[in-house]
Amino acid sequence: MATASKKALTKSALTAMVAERVAITKKQAAEILDLLADTAYKEAKRGFTIPGIGKLVVVKRKARMGRNPATGEQIKIPAKTVVKFRVAKACKDAIAPAK
């Protein structure tokens, strides 16, 4: 379902869209979206996939040297663990079809 405006889809707009599409209340749709988000947060360590959209994965970044943009001084950036979202091929093809 594409929207005519150039603005990003808000949570309330998504909630209304889901509620209308599956004939449930907006409150029920909001609970479903909140449950999906909570589950994603809890399961991200093991990998969380939303079929056709993508998956959350945990990645360990190595320590590296960086530069303070204000002073130009070199600084050491410590290693850390981050969460990344990998977009599914089906999603990429739907948004920007391969040439």
N, C-alpha and C. Protein backbone atom coordinates (compact mmCIF):
# COMPACT_ATOMS: atom_id res chain seq x y z
N MET A 1 0.83 -1.17 0.00
CA MET A 1 0.00 0.00 0.00
C MET A 1 0.88 1.24 0.00
N ALA A 2 0.90 1.99 -1.05
CA ALA A 2 1.75 3.17 -1.13
C ALA A 2 0.96 4.40 -0.71
N THR A 3 1.68 5.32 -0.06
CA THR A 3 1.03 6.57 0.34
C THR A 3 1.42 7.66 -0.65
N ALA A 4 0.58 8.66 -0.79
CA ALA A 4 0.80 9.72 -1.76
C ALA A 4 1.82 10.75 -1.27
N SER A 5 1.94 10.92 0.05
CA SER A 5 2.84 11.95 0.57
C SER A 5 4.28 11.45 0.64
N LYS A 6 5.20 12.39 0.78
CA LYS A 6 6.62 12.06 0.85
C LYS A 6 7.08 11.85 2.28
N LYS A 7 6.17 12.01 3.26
CA LYS A 7 6.53 11.86 4.66
C LYS A 7 6.65 10.39 5.04
N ALA A 8 7.47 10.10 6.03
CA ALA A 8 7.63 8.74 6.53
C ALA A 8 6.34 8.29 7.21
N LEU A 9 6.09 7.01 7.17
CA LEU A 9 4.89 6.44 7.79
C LEU A 9 5.07 6.44 9.31
N THR A 10 4.16 7.08 10.03
CA THR A 10 4.25 7.15 11.48
C THR A 10 3.64 5.90 12.10
N LYS A 11 3.92 5.72 13.40
CA LYS A 11 3.37 4.56 14.09
C LYS A 11 1.84 4.61 14.10
N SER A 12 1.27 5.78 14.33
CA SER A 12 -0.19 5.89 14.36
C SER A 12 -0.79 5.61 12.98
N ALA A 13 -0.13 6.06 11.92
CA ALA A 13 -0.63 5.78 10.57
C ALA A 13 -0.51 4.30 10.25
N LEU A 14 0.59 3.68 10.65
CA LEU A 14 0.78 2.24 10.44
C LEU A 14 -0.26 1.45 11.23
N THR A 15 -0.50 1.87 12.47
CA THR A 15 -1.50 1.22 13.31
C THR A 15 -2.88 1.29 12.64
N ALA A 16 -3.25 2.45 12.14
CA ALA A 16 -4.53 2.63 11.48
C ALA A 16 -4.62 1.76 10.22
N MET A 17 -3.53 1.69 9.46
CA MET A 17 -3.50 0.90 8.24
C MET A 17 -3.68 -0.59 8.54
N VAL A 18 -2.97 -1.08 9.55
CA VAL A 18 -3.07 -2.49 9.94
C VAL A 18 -4.49 -2.78 10.45
N ALA A 19 -5.02 -1.92 11.28
CA ALA A 19 -6.35 -2.11 11.84
C ALA A 19 -7.41 -2.20 10.74
N GLU A 20 -7.31 -1.31 9.76
CA GLU A 20 -8.27 -1.30 8.66
C GLU A 20 -8.12 -2.54 7.79
N ARG A 21 -6.89 -2.92 7.51
CA ARG A 21 -6.61 -4.05 6.60
C ARG A 21 -7.11 -5.38 7.15
N VAL A 22 -6.94 -5.62 8.47
CA VAL A 22 -7.32 -6.91 9.04
C VAL A 22 -8.58 -6.82 9.89
N ALA A 23 -9.28 -5.71 9.82
CA ALA A 23 -10.56 -5.51 10.50
C ALA A 23 -10.48 -5.74 12.01
N ILE A 24 -9.53 -5.04 12.65
CA ILE A 24 -9.41 -5.06 14.11
C ILE A 24 -9.37 -3.61 14.57
N THR A 25 -9.41 -3.41 15.89
CA THR A 25 -9.37 -2.05 16.41
C THR A 25 -7.95 -1.50 16.33
N LYS A 26 -7.84 -0.18 16.39
CA LYS A 26 -6.53 0.45 16.38
C LYS A 26 -5.73 0.04 17.61
N LYS A 27 -6.42 -0.14 18.74
CA LYS A 27 -5.75 -0.54 19.97
C LYS A 27 -5.14 -1.93 19.81
N GLN A 28 -5.87 -2.85 19.20
CA GLN A 28 -5.36 -4.21 18.97
C GLN A 28 -4.17 -4.17 18.01
N ALA A 29 -4.27 -3.36 16.97
CA ALA A 29 -3.18 -3.23 16.00
C ALA A 29 -1.93 -2.67 16.68
N ALA A 30 -2.11 -1.68 17.56
CA ALA A 30 -0.98 -1.10 18.29
C ALA A 30 -0.33 -2.14 19.19
N GLU A 31 -1.14 -2.99 19.83
CA GLU A 31 -0.61 -4.05 20.69
C GLU A 31 0.21 -5.05 19.87
N ILE A 32 -0.26 -5.37 18.67
CA ILE A 32 0.48 -6.28 17.79
C ILE A 32 1.82 -5.69 17.40
N LEU A 33 1.83 -4.41 17.02
CA LEU A 33 3.09 -3.76 16.64
C LEU A 33 4.05 -3.67 17.82
N ASP A 34 3.51 -3.37 19.02
CA ASP A 34 4.36 -3.32 20.22
C ASP A 34 4.93 -4.69 20.54
N LEU A 35 4.11 -5.74 20.39
CA LEU A 35 4.58 -7.10 20.63
C LEU A 35 5.69 -7.47 19.65
N LEU A 36 5.53 -7.09 18.40
CA LEU A 36 6.54 -7.37 17.38
C LEU A 36 7.85 -6.68 17.75
N ALA A 37 7.79 -5.42 18.17
CA ALA A 37 8.99 -4.68 18.55
C ALA A 37 9.64 -5.29 19.79
N ASP A 38 8.84 -5.62 20.82
CA ASP A 38 9.39 -6.22 22.04
C ASP A 38 10.07 -7.55 21.74
N THR A 39 9.44 -8.35 20.89
CA THR A 39 10.02 -9.64 20.52
C THR A 39 11.33 -9.44 19.77
N ALA A 40 11.37 -8.47 18.88
CA ALA A 40 12.59 -8.18 18.12
C ALA A 40 13.73 -7.80 19.06
N TYR A 41 13.44 -6.97 20.09
CA TYR A 41 14.47 -6.56 21.04
C TYR A 41 15.03 -7.75 21.80
N LYS A 42 14.14 -8.64 22.24
CA LYS A 42 14.55 -9.79 23.04
C LYS A 42 15.29 -10.84 22.22
N GLU A 43 14.90 -11.02 20.96
CA GLU A 43 15.45 -12.09 20.13
C GLU A 43 16.61 -11.64 19.23
N ALA A 44 16.95 -10.37 19.23
CA ALA A 44 17.99 -9.86 18.33
C ALA A 44 19.33 -10.56 18.55
N LYS A 45 19.62 -10.96 19.78
CA LYS A 45 20.90 -11.63 20.06
C LYS A 45 21.05 -12.91 19.25
N ARG A 46 19.93 -13.59 19.01
CA ARG A 46 19.97 -14.85 18.26
C ARG A 46 19.62 -14.63 16.79
N GLY A 47 19.26 -13.42 16.43
CA GLY A 47 18.84 -13.11 15.08
C GLY A 47 17.33 -13.11 15.02
N PHE A 48 16.74 -12.05 14.53
CA PHE A 48 15.28 -11.92 14.44
C PHE A 48 14.93 -11.56 13.01
N THR A 49 14.13 -12.40 12.37
CA THR A 49 13.78 -12.20 10.96
C THR A 49 12.31 -11.86 10.80
N ILE A 50 12.03 -10.87 9.97
CA ILE A 50 10.68 -10.58 9.53
C ILE A 50 10.68 -10.98 8.05
N PRO A 51 10.05 -12.11 7.72
CA PRO A 51 10.10 -12.61 6.34
C PRO A 51 9.69 -11.55 5.33
N GLY A 52 10.50 -11.42 4.28
CA GLY A 52 10.21 -10.46 3.21
C GLY A 52 10.68 -9.05 3.49
N ILE A 53 11.09 -8.76 4.74
CA ILE A 53 11.54 -7.41 5.08
C ILE A 53 13.03 -7.41 5.41
N GLY A 54 13.44 -8.25 6.34
CA GLY A 54 14.84 -8.32 6.70
C GLY A 54 15.03 -8.93 8.07
N LYS A 55 16.27 -8.81 8.59
CA LYS A 55 16.55 -9.39 9.90
C LYS A 55 17.50 -8.52 10.71
N LEU A 56 17.35 -8.62 12.03
CA LEU A 56 18.25 -7.96 12.96
C LEU A 56 19.36 -8.94 13.30
N VAL A 57 20.59 -8.48 13.25
CA VAL A 57 21.74 -9.32 13.61
C VAL A 57 22.67 -8.53 14.51
N VAL A 58 23.34 -9.24 15.43
CA VAL A 58 24.31 -8.62 16.32
C VAL A 58 25.69 -8.79 15.68
N VAL A 59 26.43 -7.69 15.61
CA VAL A 59 27.75 -7.69 14.99
C VAL A 59 28.76 -7.10 15.96
N LYS A 60 29.94 -7.72 16.06
CA LYS A 60 31.01 -7.19 16.92
C LYS A 60 31.94 -6.34 16.04
N ARG A 61 32.10 -5.08 16.41
CA ARG A 61 33.02 -4.19 15.69
C ARG A 61 34.38 -4.23 16.37
N LYS A 62 35.42 -4.27 15.58
CA LYS A 62 36.78 -4.26 16.12
C LYS A 62 37.16 -2.84 16.54
N ALA A 63 38.14 -2.76 17.44
CA ALA A 63 38.67 -1.45 17.82
C ALA A 63 39.39 -0.86 16.61
N ARG A 64 39.35 0.45 16.48
CA ARG A 64 40.01 1.09 15.34
C ARG A 64 40.43 2.50 15.70
N MET A 65 41.25 3.07 14.84
CA MET A 65 41.68 4.45 15.02
C MET A 65 40.73 5.36 14.24
N GLY A 66 40.37 6.47 14.85
CA GLY A 66 39.50 7.43 14.20
C GLY A 66 40.08 8.82 14.34
N ARG A 67 39.33 9.81 13.93
CA ARG A 67 39.80 11.19 13.99
C ARG A 67 38.68 12.06 14.55
N ASN A 68 39.04 12.92 15.50
CA ASN A 68 38.09 13.88 16.03
C ASN A 68 37.88 14.94 14.95
N PRO A 69 36.66 15.08 14.42
CA PRO A 69 36.46 16.02 13.32
C PRO A 69 36.67 17.48 13.71
N ALA A 70 36.52 17.81 14.98
CA ALA A 70 36.68 19.20 15.41
C ALA A 70 38.16 19.59 15.49
N THR A 71 39.00 18.69 16.00
CA THR A 71 40.41 19.04 16.22
C THR A 71 41.36 18.35 15.26
N GLY A 72 40.90 17.27 14.61
CA GLY A 72 41.78 16.51 13.73
C GLY A 72 42.65 15.53 14.49
N GLU A 73 42.51 15.50 15.81
CA GLU A 73 43.32 14.62 16.66
C GLU A 73 42.91 13.17 16.46
N GLN A 74 43.90 12.26 16.42
CA GLN A 74 43.61 10.83 16.31
C GLN A 74 43.12 10.30 17.65
N ILE A 75 42.09 9.46 17.60
CA ILE A 75 41.58 8.85 18.82
C ILE A 75 41.36 7.36 18.58
N LYS A 76 41.42 6.59 19.65
CA LYS A 76 41.18 5.16 19.54
C LYS A 76 39.70 4.92 19.84
N ILE A 77 39.03 4.26 18.91
CA ILE A 77 37.63 3.92 19.07
C ILE A 77 37.59 2.47 19.57
N PRO A 78 37.03 2.22 20.76
CA PRO A 78 37.05 0.87 21.32
C PRO A 78 36.13 -0.10 20.57
N ALA A 79 36.41 -1.39 20.74
CA ALA A 79 35.55 -2.43 20.15
C ALA A 79 34.19 -2.37 20.84
N LYS A 80 33.14 -2.71 20.09
CA LYS A 80 31.81 -2.74 20.69
C LYS A 80 30.89 -3.65 19.89
N THR A 81 29.78 -3.99 20.50
CA THR A 81 28.77 -4.82 19.87
C THR A 81 27.62 -3.92 19.44
N VAL A 82 27.18 -4.09 18.19
CA VAL A 82 26.10 -3.27 17.65
C VAL A 82 25.04 -4.16 17.01
N VAL A 83 23.84 -3.61 16.84
CA VAL A 83 22.77 -4.31 16.15
C VAL A 83 22.63 -3.70 14.76
N LYS A 84 22.57 -4.57 13.74
CA LYS A 84 22.40 -4.10 12.37
C LYS A 84 21.13 -4.72 11.80
N PHE A 85 20.56 -4.03 10.82
CA PHE A 85 19.39 -4.55 10.12
C PHE A 85 19.82 -4.88 8.70
N ARG A 86 19.64 -6.13 8.32
CA ARG A 86 19.97 -6.55 6.96
C ARG A 86 18.67 -6.69 6.17
N VAL A 87 18.55 -5.94 5.12
CA VAL A 87 17.33 -5.91 4.31
C VAL A 87 17.26 -7.16 3.44
N ALA A 88 16.08 -7.77 3.39
CA ALA A 88 15.86 -8.97 2.59
C ALA A 88 15.90 -8.64 1.10
N LYS A 89 16.31 -9.61 0.30
CA LYS A 89 16.38 -9.41 -1.15
C LYS A 89 15.00 -9.05 -1.72
N ALA A 90 13.95 -9.70 -1.24
CA ALA A 90 12.60 -9.40 -1.72
C ALA A 90 12.24 -7.94 -1.48
N CYS A 91 12.66 -7.40 -0.34
CA CYS A 91 12.38 -6.00 -0.01
C CYS A 91 13.19 -5.07 -0.93
N LYS A 92 14.45 -5.39 -1.14
CA LYS A 92 15.28 -4.58 -2.02
C LYS A 92 14.69 -4.55 -3.43
N ASP A 93 14.29 -5.72 -3.93
CA ASP A 93 13.74 -5.81 -5.28
C ASP A 93 12.40 -5.07 -5.41
N ALA A 94 11.61 -5.07 -4.34
CA ALA A 94 10.31 -4.37 -4.38
C ALA A 94 10.50 -2.87 -4.40
N ILE A 95 11.53 -2.38 -3.71
CA ILE A 95 11.76 -0.93 -3.62
C ILE A 95 12.56 -0.41 -4.80
N ALA A 96 13.65 -1.11 -5.13
CA ALA A 96 14.51 -0.71 -6.24
C ALA A 96 14.83 -1.95 -7.06
N PRO A 97 13.98 -2.27 -8.04
CA PRO A 97 14.19 -3.49 -8.85
C PRO A 97 15.57 -3.52 -9.50
N ALA A 98 16.12 -4.73 -9.57
CA ALA A 98 17.43 -4.91 -10.21
C ALA A 98 17.32 -4.58 -11.70
N LYS A 99 18.38 -4.04 -12.25
CA LYS A 99 18.38 -3.63 -13.67
C LYS A 99 18.60 -4.81 -14.58
